[in-house]
Protein backbone atom coordinates (compact mmCIF):
# COMPACT_ATOMS: atom_id res chain seq x y z
CA MET A 1 116.07 217.47 256.36
CA ALA A 2 118.91 216.63 254.01
CA VAL A 3 117.94 215.60 250.51
CA PRO A 4 119.34 212.13 249.77
CA ASP A 5 121.53 211.64 246.76
CA CYS A 6 120.03 209.75 243.87
CA ASP A 7 121.81 206.49 244.71
CA ASP A 8 120.14 206.59 248.12
CA CYS A 9 116.79 207.23 246.43
CA TYR A 10 117.19 204.23 244.13
CA CYS A 11 118.31 202.05 247.02
CA SER A 12 115.32 203.15 249.11
CA LEU A 13 112.94 202.49 246.23
CA ASN A 14 114.39 199.03 245.70
CA LEU A 15 113.98 198.22 249.39
CA LEU A 16 110.37 199.43 249.23
CA ARG A 17 109.65 196.99 246.41
CA ASP A 18 109.10 194.28 249.02
CA GLN A 19 106.72 196.51 250.98
CA GLY A 20 104.21 196.80 248.17
CA PRO A 21 103.32 199.23 245.44
CA GLN A 22 101.77 201.84 247.74
CA ALA A 23 105.01 202.34 249.69
CA ARG A 24 107.02 202.58 246.46
CA GLU A 25 104.56 205.04 244.91
CA ALA A 26 104.70 207.20 248.03
CA ALA A 27 108.50 207.24 247.89
CA GLU A 28 108.45 208.09 244.18
CA ARG A 29 106.03 210.96 244.82
CA ASP A 30 108.31 212.25 247.58
CA ILE A 31 111.32 212.27 245.24
CA ALA A 32 109.27 213.97 242.50
CA ARG A 33 108.08 216.58 245.02
CA LYS A 34 111.67 217.33 246.07
CA PHE A 35 112.69 217.57 242.41
CA VAL A 36 109.92 220.05 241.52
CA HIS A 37 110.38 222.06 244.71
CA ALA A 38 114.14 222.49 244.17
CA PHE A 39 113.73 223.30 240.46
CA SER A 40 110.97 225.86 241.01
CA ARG A 41 113.03 227.67 243.70
CA ASP A 42 116.20 227.63 241.58
CA ASP A 43 117.79 225.63 244.40
CA ILE A 44 120.37 224.17 242.06
CA GLY A 45 122.35 222.45 244.82
CA SER A 46 119.34 220.51 246.10
CA PHE A 47 118.26 219.78 242.55
CA LEU A 48 121.66 218.33 241.65
CA GLU A 49 121.66 216.17 244.79
CA LEU A 50 118.73 214.27 243.29
CA LEU A 51 120.73 213.38 240.15
CA THR A 52 123.55 210.95 239.49
CA ASP A 53 126.87 211.96 238.02
CA GLN A 54 125.71 210.34 234.75
CA CYS A 55 122.85 212.83 234.36
CA TRP A 56 122.30 214.77 231.16
CA LEU A 57 120.04 217.56 230.02
CA SER A 58 118.82 218.41 226.56
CA MET A 59 115.93 220.48 225.30
CA PRO A 60 115.03 219.66 221.71
CA PRO A 61 114.92 221.22 219.21
CA ALA A 62 118.12 222.87 220.56
CA SER A 63 121.12 220.73 219.72
CA GLU A 64 122.98 221.35 222.99
CA ARG A 65 123.32 218.50 225.45
CA TYR A 66 124.77 218.99 228.94
CA VAL A 67 126.35 215.84 230.37
CA GLY A 68 127.28 215.36 234.03
CA LEU A 69 126.52 217.23 237.22
CA THR A 70 128.97 220.06 236.52
CA ALA A 71 127.61 220.81 233.04
CA VAL A 72 123.96 220.51 234.08
CA GLY A 73 124.57 222.65 237.17
CA SER A 74 126.37 225.32 235.15
CA PHE A 75 123.52 225.49 232.65
CA LEU A 76 120.85 225.70 235.35
CA ARG A 77 122.74 228.41 237.25
CA ALA A 78 123.20 230.48 234.09
CA ARG A 79 119.50 230.00 233.27
CA ALA A 80 118.48 231.23 236.71
CA GLU A 81 120.87 234.21 236.68
CA GLY A 82 119.81 235.30 233.20
CA ARG A 83 116.12 235.53 234.03
CA PRO A 84 114.49 238.56 235.68
CA GLY A 85 114.04 237.69 239.35
CA GLY A 86 116.37 234.69 238.98
CA SER A 87 118.88 233.73 241.63
């Protein structure tokens, strides 16, 4: 199953608004599950597919901030490669 891009996720969630809170909550849980699954497997491609091109990543207290899919993806790939057992 292909992971939808974030715009598709938002669109799907907005359409579910008319179907009640349970349908929306189920869709939100599904997106969160995909997010955690991709992150925990260092599946950077699938992880990035869940983000928009306006995404950013920061981890206070570090002052660095990574803006956009390319910067976030580069950081996550370097993080995974620099860790024992990382991709």
